[in-house]
Amino acid sequence: MSKFTLDDIRAAAEAKYADTEVRYGDDPFDVCKLVNPLRLPKDKRAQLTGMQAELDADSEKDEVAILERTIRLVAASEGHAEQLIAKINGDLTVLSQLFSTYAEGVQAGEASASPN
């Protein structure tokens, strides 16, 4: 029989569902942590699903605005989110790559956040 402590389980969950960290400057504190969707509160997971549906459905969408709202939603710190957004400066290619990288790091979280 295997035996685990709750701390063992928490450490395994942290390793598997860790935040995605994006460094945006030279200072060690210039890091925006994007929280794994499974670790977001239920209402934020629902908003995230809605934002994804908005991106998928509307051909006249403002992708930059939606992706910037998404950063604000999943960031652990509002201040760091704003600094990261300022550094990206509305570059859709950078935003798209950022979310591609985020999605790869949290595939299990994305699957559960999807309504399908």
N, C-alpha and C. Protein backbone atom coordinates (compact mmCIF):
# COMPACT_ATOMS: atom_id res chain seq x y z
N MET A 1 0.84 -1.17 0.00
CA MET A 1 0.00 0.00 0.00
C MET A 1 0.90 1.25 0.00
N SER A 2 0.56 2.20 -0.86
CA SER A 2 1.30 3.45 -0.90
C SER A 2 0.76 4.39 0.16
N LYS A 3 1.66 5.17 0.74
CA LYS A 3 1.27 6.15 1.74
C LYS A 3 1.83 7.50 1.34
N PHE A 4 0.98 8.50 1.44
CA PHE A 4 1.37 9.86 1.11
C PHE A 4 0.85 10.79 2.18
N THR A 5 1.54 11.88 2.35
CA THR A 5 1.02 12.93 3.22
C THR A 5 0.30 13.96 2.35
N LEU A 6 -0.50 14.76 2.98
CA LEU A 6 -1.17 15.83 2.25
C LEU A 6 -0.13 16.78 1.65
N ASP A 7 0.98 17.00 2.36
CA ASP A 7 2.06 17.83 1.83
C ASP A 7 2.65 17.22 0.56
N ASP A 8 2.75 15.89 0.49
CA ASP A 8 3.23 15.22 -0.73
C ASP A 8 2.28 15.50 -1.89
N ILE A 9 1.00 15.39 -1.62
CA ILE A 9 -0.01 15.62 -2.66
C ILE A 9 0.03 17.08 -3.10
N ARG A 10 0.14 18.00 -2.15
CA ARG A 10 0.23 19.43 -2.50
C ARG A 10 1.46 19.71 -3.35
N ALA A 11 2.59 19.13 -3.01
CA ALA A 11 3.82 19.33 -3.78
C ALA A 11 3.67 18.78 -5.19
N ALA A 12 3.03 17.64 -5.33
CA ALA A 12 2.80 17.06 -6.66
C ALA A 12 1.86 17.94 -7.48
N ALA A 13 0.82 18.47 -6.85
CA ALA A 13 -0.11 19.36 -7.54
C ALA A 13 0.59 20.64 -7.96
N GLU A 14 1.42 21.18 -7.09
CA GLU A 14 2.17 22.40 -7.42
C GLU A 14 3.10 22.16 -8.61
N ALA A 15 3.76 21.03 -8.63
CA ALA A 15 4.66 20.73 -9.74
C ALA A 15 3.89 20.56 -11.05
N LYS A 16 2.76 19.89 -10.99
CA LYS A 16 1.99 19.60 -12.20
C LYS A 16 1.20 20.81 -12.69
N TYR A 17 0.69 21.63 -11.78
CA TYR A 17 -0.19 22.74 -12.14
C TYR A 17 0.41 24.09 -11.75
N ALA A 18 1.71 24.21 -11.91
CA ALA A 18 2.42 25.43 -11.52
C ALA A 18 2.05 26.61 -12.42
N ASP A 19 2.31 27.80 -11.90
CA ASP A 19 2.11 29.01 -12.68
C ASP A 19 3.10 29.05 -13.85
N THR A 20 2.74 29.80 -14.88
CA THR A 20 3.66 30.11 -15.97
C THR A 20 4.25 31.47 -15.64
N GLU A 21 5.57 31.54 -15.54
CA GLU A 21 6.22 32.80 -15.21
C GLU A 21 6.81 33.43 -16.46
N VAL A 22 6.51 34.72 -16.65
CA VAL A 22 7.00 35.47 -17.80
C VAL A 22 7.85 36.62 -17.27
N ARG A 23 9.14 36.58 -17.57
CA ARG A 23 10.05 37.65 -17.15
C ARG A 23 9.98 38.74 -18.21
N TYR A 24 9.79 39.99 -17.80
CA TYR A 24 9.64 41.09 -18.74
C TYR A 24 10.66 42.21 -18.53
N GLY A 25 11.64 41.99 -17.68
CA GLY A 25 12.68 42.99 -17.44
C GLY A 25 13.88 42.36 -16.78
N ASP A 26 14.85 43.20 -16.45
CA ASP A 26 16.10 42.72 -15.86
C ASP A 26 16.05 42.53 -14.35
N ASP A 27 15.15 43.23 -13.70
CA ASP A 27 15.02 43.13 -12.26
C ASP A 27 14.44 41.76 -11.91
N PRO A 28 14.94 41.12 -10.86
CA PRO A 28 14.39 39.81 -10.47
C PRO A 28 12.89 39.82 -10.16
N PHE A 29 12.35 41.00 -9.87
CA PHE A 29 10.92 41.11 -9.56
C PHE A 29 10.07 41.40 -10.79
N ASP A 30 10.71 41.55 -11.95
CA ASP A 30 9.99 41.80 -13.20
C ASP A 30 9.48 40.48 -13.77
N VAL A 31 8.55 39.87 -13.06
CA VAL A 31 7.99 38.58 -13.45
C VAL A 31 6.48 38.63 -13.28
N CYS A 32 5.78 38.24 -14.31
CA CYS A 32 4.32 38.13 -14.24
C CYS A 32 3.99 36.65 -14.18
N LYS A 33 3.31 36.23 -13.13
CA LYS A 33 2.90 34.85 -12.98
C LYS A 33 1.49 34.69 -13.53
N LEU A 34 1.35 33.80 -14.52
CA LEU A 34 0.05 33.48 -15.09
C LEU A 34 -0.42 32.19 -14.43
N VAL A 35 -1.51 32.27 -13.72
CA VAL A 35 -2.01 31.16 -12.89
C VAL A 35 -2.63 30.08 -13.78
N ASN A 36 -2.33 28.83 -13.46
CA ASN A 36 -2.92 27.70 -14.15
C ASN A 36 -4.44 27.77 -13.99
N PRO A 37 -5.20 27.58 -15.07
CA PRO A 37 -6.66 27.68 -14.98
C PRO A 37 -7.29 26.82 -13.90
N LEU A 38 -6.74 25.66 -13.61
CA LEU A 38 -7.31 24.82 -12.55
C LEU A 38 -7.16 25.44 -11.17
N ARG A 39 -6.25 26.40 -11.04
CA ARG A 39 -6.03 27.04 -9.75
C ARG A 39 -6.79 28.36 -9.63
N LEU A 40 -7.48 28.74 -10.68
CA LEU A 40 -8.29 29.96 -10.64
C LEU A 40 -9.62 29.66 -9.95
N PRO A 41 -10.21 30.66 -9.32
CA PRO A 41 -11.58 30.48 -8.78
C PRO A 41 -12.55 30.17 -9.91
N LYS A 42 -13.64 29.52 -9.57
CA LYS A 42 -14.63 29.07 -10.56
C LYS A 42 -15.11 30.20 -11.46
N ASP A 43 -15.37 31.38 -10.91
CA ASP A 43 -15.86 32.49 -11.73
C ASP A 43 -14.82 32.95 -12.75
N LYS A 44 -13.55 32.93 -12.37
CA LYS A 44 -12.49 33.31 -13.31
C LYS A 44 -12.31 32.25 -14.40
N ARG A 45 -12.47 30.97 -14.04
CA ARG A 45 -12.40 29.92 -15.06
C ARG A 45 -13.51 30.09 -16.08
N ALA A 46 -14.70 30.46 -15.60
CA ALA A 46 -15.83 30.70 -16.51
C ALA A 46 -15.54 31.89 -17.42
N GLN A 47 -14.97 32.96 -16.86
CA GLN A 47 -14.61 34.12 -17.68
C GLN A 47 -13.57 33.75 -18.72
N LEU A 48 -12.61 32.93 -18.34
CA LEU A 48 -11.57 32.49 -19.27
C LEU A 48 -12.18 31.70 -20.42
N THR A 49 -13.11 30.83 -20.12
CA THR A 49 -13.82 30.07 -21.15
C THR A 49 -14.57 31.01 -22.08
N GLY A 50 -15.20 32.02 -21.51
CA GLY A 50 -15.92 33.01 -22.31
C GLY A 50 -14.99 33.79 -23.23
N MET A 51 -13.83 34.13 -22.75
CA MET A 51 -12.86 34.86 -23.58
C MET A 51 -12.38 34.00 -24.74
N GLN A 52 -12.17 32.72 -24.46
CA GLN A 52 -11.75 31.80 -25.53
C GLN A 52 -12.86 31.69 -26.58
N ALA A 53 -14.09 31.59 -26.13
CA ALA A 53 -15.22 31.52 -27.06
C ALA A 53 -15.33 32.80 -27.88
N GLU A 54 -15.06 33.92 -27.23
CA GLU A 54 -15.08 35.22 -27.92
C GLU A 54 -14.02 35.26 -29.03
N LEU A 55 -12.85 34.75 -28.73
CA LEU A 55 -11.79 34.69 -29.74
C LEU A 55 -12.16 33.77 -30.89
N ASP A 56 -12.79 32.65 -30.57
CA ASP A 56 -13.12 31.65 -31.59
C ASP A 56 -14.30 32.08 -32.47
N ALA A 57 -15.23 32.87 -31.92
CA ALA A 57 -16.49 33.10 -32.62
C ALA A 57 -16.54 34.36 -33.48
N ASP A 58 -15.94 35.41 -33.05
CA ASP A 58 -16.16 36.71 -33.69
C ASP A 58 -15.04 37.06 -34.67
N SER A 59 -15.38 37.20 -35.94
CA SER A 59 -14.37 37.54 -36.94
C SER A 59 -14.00 39.02 -36.87
N GLU A 60 -14.81 39.84 -36.24
CA GLU A 60 -14.53 41.28 -36.12
C GLU A 60 -14.00 41.62 -34.72
N LYS A 61 -13.41 40.67 -34.07
CA LYS A 61 -12.95 40.87 -32.70
C LYS A 61 -11.67 41.71 -32.64
N ASP A 62 -11.43 42.30 -31.49
CA ASP A 62 -10.17 42.99 -31.22
C ASP A 62 -9.33 42.01 -30.41
N GLU A 63 -8.53 41.20 -31.12
CA GLU A 63 -7.76 40.14 -30.47
C GLU A 63 -6.80 40.68 -29.42
N VAL A 64 -6.17 41.82 -29.70
CA VAL A 64 -5.24 42.40 -28.74
C VAL A 64 -5.97 42.70 -27.43
N ALA A 65 -7.12 43.34 -27.50
CA ALA A 65 -7.87 43.70 -26.30
C ALA A 65 -8.30 42.45 -25.52
N ILE A 66 -8.74 41.44 -26.23
CA ILE A 66 -9.17 40.20 -25.56
C ILE A 66 -7.99 39.53 -24.87
N LEU A 67 -6.86 39.44 -25.55
CA LEU A 67 -5.69 38.78 -24.95
C LEU A 67 -5.15 39.59 -23.78
N GLU A 68 -5.20 40.91 -23.88
CA GLU A 68 -4.77 41.73 -22.74
C GLU A 68 -5.71 41.54 -21.55
N ARG A 69 -7.02 41.45 -21.79
CA ARG A 69 -7.98 41.16 -20.71
C ARG A 69 -7.69 39.79 -20.10
N THR A 70 -7.29 38.85 -20.94
CA THR A 70 -6.98 37.52 -20.46
C THR A 70 -5.75 37.54 -19.55
N ILE A 71 -4.74 38.30 -19.92
CA ILE A 71 -3.56 38.44 -19.04
C ILE A 71 -4.00 38.98 -17.68
N ARG A 72 -4.82 40.02 -17.70
CA ARG A 72 -5.29 40.61 -16.44
C ARG A 72 -6.07 39.58 -15.61
N LEU A 73 -6.82 38.73 -16.27
CA LEU A 73 -7.63 37.73 -15.58
C LEU A 73 -6.78 36.65 -14.92
N VAL A 74 -5.79 36.14 -15.63
CA VAL A 74 -5.04 34.98 -15.12
C VAL A 74 -3.77 35.36 -14.37
N ALA A 75 -3.39 36.64 -14.38
CA ALA A 75 -2.18 37.06 -13.68
C ALA A 75 -2.38 37.02 -12.17
N ALA A 76 -1.35 36.61 -11.47
CA ALA A 76 -1.40 36.57 -10.01
C ALA A 76 -1.37 37.98 -9.42
N SER A 77 -0.81 38.94 -10.16
CA SER A 77 -0.69 40.31 -9.67
C SER A 77 -1.15 41.28 -10.75
N GLU A 78 -2.08 42.16 -10.39
CA GLU A 78 -2.58 43.15 -11.34
C GLU A 78 -1.45 44.08 -11.82
N GLY A 79 -0.59 44.48 -10.89
CA GLY A 79 0.51 45.37 -11.24
C GLY A 79 1.47 44.74 -12.24
N HIS A 80 1.82 43.49 -12.01
CA HIS A 80 2.71 42.80 -12.94
C HIS A 80 2.03 42.57 -14.29
N ALA A 81 0.73 42.31 -14.27
CA ALA A 81 -0.01 42.15 -15.53
C ALA A 81 0.07 43.43 -16.34
N GLU A 82 -0.15 44.56 -15.70
CA GLU A 82 -0.11 45.84 -16.41
C GLU A 82 1.29 46.13 -16.95
N GLN A 83 2.31 45.79 -16.20
CA GLN A 83 3.68 46.01 -16.67
C GLN A 83 4.00 45.12 -17.86
N LEU A 84 3.58 43.87 -17.81
CA LEU A 84 3.80 42.96 -18.93
C LEU A 84 3.06 43.46 -20.17
N ILE A 85 1.82 43.86 -20.00
CA ILE A 85 1.03 44.38 -21.12
C ILE A 85 1.71 45.61 -21.73
N ALA A 86 2.24 46.49 -20.88
CA ALA A 86 2.93 47.68 -21.38
C ALA A 86 4.17 47.29 -22.19
N LYS A 87 4.91 46.29 -21.72
CA LYS A 87 6.11 45.85 -22.44
C LYS A 87 5.76 45.21 -23.78
N ILE A 88 4.64 44.50 -23.84
CA ILE A 88 4.21 43.86 -25.09
C ILE A 88 3.76 44.92 -26.10
N ASN A 89 3.17 46.01 -25.59
CA ASN A 89 2.84 47.17 -26.40
C ASN A 89 1.91 46.85 -27.58
N GLY A 90 0.92 46.00 -27.34
CA GLY A 90 -0.09 45.72 -28.36
C GLY A 90 0.35 44.86 -29.52
N ASP A 91 1.51 44.21 -29.41
CA ASP A 91 2.03 43.36 -30.50
C ASP A 91 1.27 42.02 -30.49
N LEU A 92 0.38 41.85 -31.47
CA LEU A 92 -0.45 40.65 -31.52
C LEU A 92 0.38 39.38 -31.67
N THR A 93 1.49 39.45 -32.38
CA THR A 93 2.32 38.24 -32.54
C THR A 93 2.91 37.81 -31.20
N VAL A 94 3.33 38.77 -30.39
CA VAL A 94 3.89 38.45 -29.07
C VAL A 94 2.79 37.92 -28.15
N LEU A 95 1.63 38.56 -28.17
CA LEU A 95 0.51 38.08 -27.36
C LEU A 95 0.11 36.67 -27.76
N SER A 96 0.04 36.40 -29.05
CA SER A 96 -0.33 35.07 -29.54
C SER A 96 0.69 34.02 -29.08
N GLN A 97 1.97 34.36 -29.18
CA GLN A 97 3.00 33.42 -28.75
C GLN A 97 2.96 33.21 -27.25
N LEU A 98 2.71 34.28 -26.50
CA LEU A 98 2.60 34.17 -25.05
C LEU A 98 1.51 33.17 -24.67
N PHE A 99 0.34 33.29 -25.32
CA PHE A 99 -0.74 32.38 -24.97
C PHE A 99 -0.54 30.99 -25.51
N SER A 100 0.19 30.85 -26.59
CA SER A 100 0.54 29.53 -27.08
C SER A 100 1.45 28.83 -26.06
N THR A 101 2.42 29.57 -25.56
CA THR A 101 3.34 29.03 -24.54
C THR A 101 2.59 28.71 -23.26
N TYR A 102 1.71 29.60 -22.84
CA TYR A 102 0.89 29.38 -21.64
C TYR A 102 0.04 28.13 -21.79
N ALA A 103 -0.60 27.98 -22.95
CA ALA A 103 -1.46 26.82 -23.19
C ALA A 103 -0.66 25.52 -23.16
N GLU A 104 0.53 25.52 -23.72
CA GLU A 104 1.37 24.31 -23.69
C GLU A 104 1.71 23.93 -22.26
N GLY A 105 1.95 24.94 -21.43
CA GLY A 105 2.33 24.67 -20.04
C GLY A 105 1.18 24.23 -19.17
N VAL A 106 -0.05 24.50 -19.60
CA VAL A 106 -1.21 24.19 -18.75
C VAL A 106 -2.26 23.38 -19.51
N GLN A 107 -1.83 22.48 -20.36
CA GLN A 107 -2.78 21.73 -21.19
C GLN A 107 -3.90 21.09 -20.38
N ALA A 108 -3.60 20.53 -19.27
CA ALA A 108 -4.65 19.90 -18.46
C ALA A 108 -5.64 20.95 -17.99
N GLY A 109 -5.14 22.13 -17.62
CA GLY A 109 -6.02 23.21 -17.18
C GLY A 109 -6.91 23.71 -18.30
N GLU A 110 -6.37 23.82 -19.49
CA GLU A 110 -7.17 24.31 -20.60
C GLU A 110 -8.29 23.31 -20.94
N ALA A 111 -7.96 22.06 -20.89
CA ALA A 111 -8.97 21.05 -21.23
C ALA A 111 -10.14 21.12 -20.27
N SER A 112 -9.87 21.33 -18.99
CA SER A 112 -10.96 21.35 -18.03
C SER A 112 -11.72 22.67 -18.05
N ALA A 113 -11.09 23.73 -18.54
CA ALA A 113 -11.76 25.01 -18.60
C ALA A 113 -12.69 25.11 -19.81
N SER A 114 -12.55 24.20 -20.74
CA SER A 114 -13.35 24.21 -21.96
C SER A 114 -14.73 23.64 -21.69
N PRO A 115 -15.75 24.21 -22.33
CA PRO A 115 -17.09 23.68 -22.11
C PRO A 115 -17.34 22.35 -22.79
N ASN A 116 -16.47 21.92 -23.69
CA ASN A 116 -16.67 20.66 -24.43
C ASN A 116 -16.17 19.47 -23.67
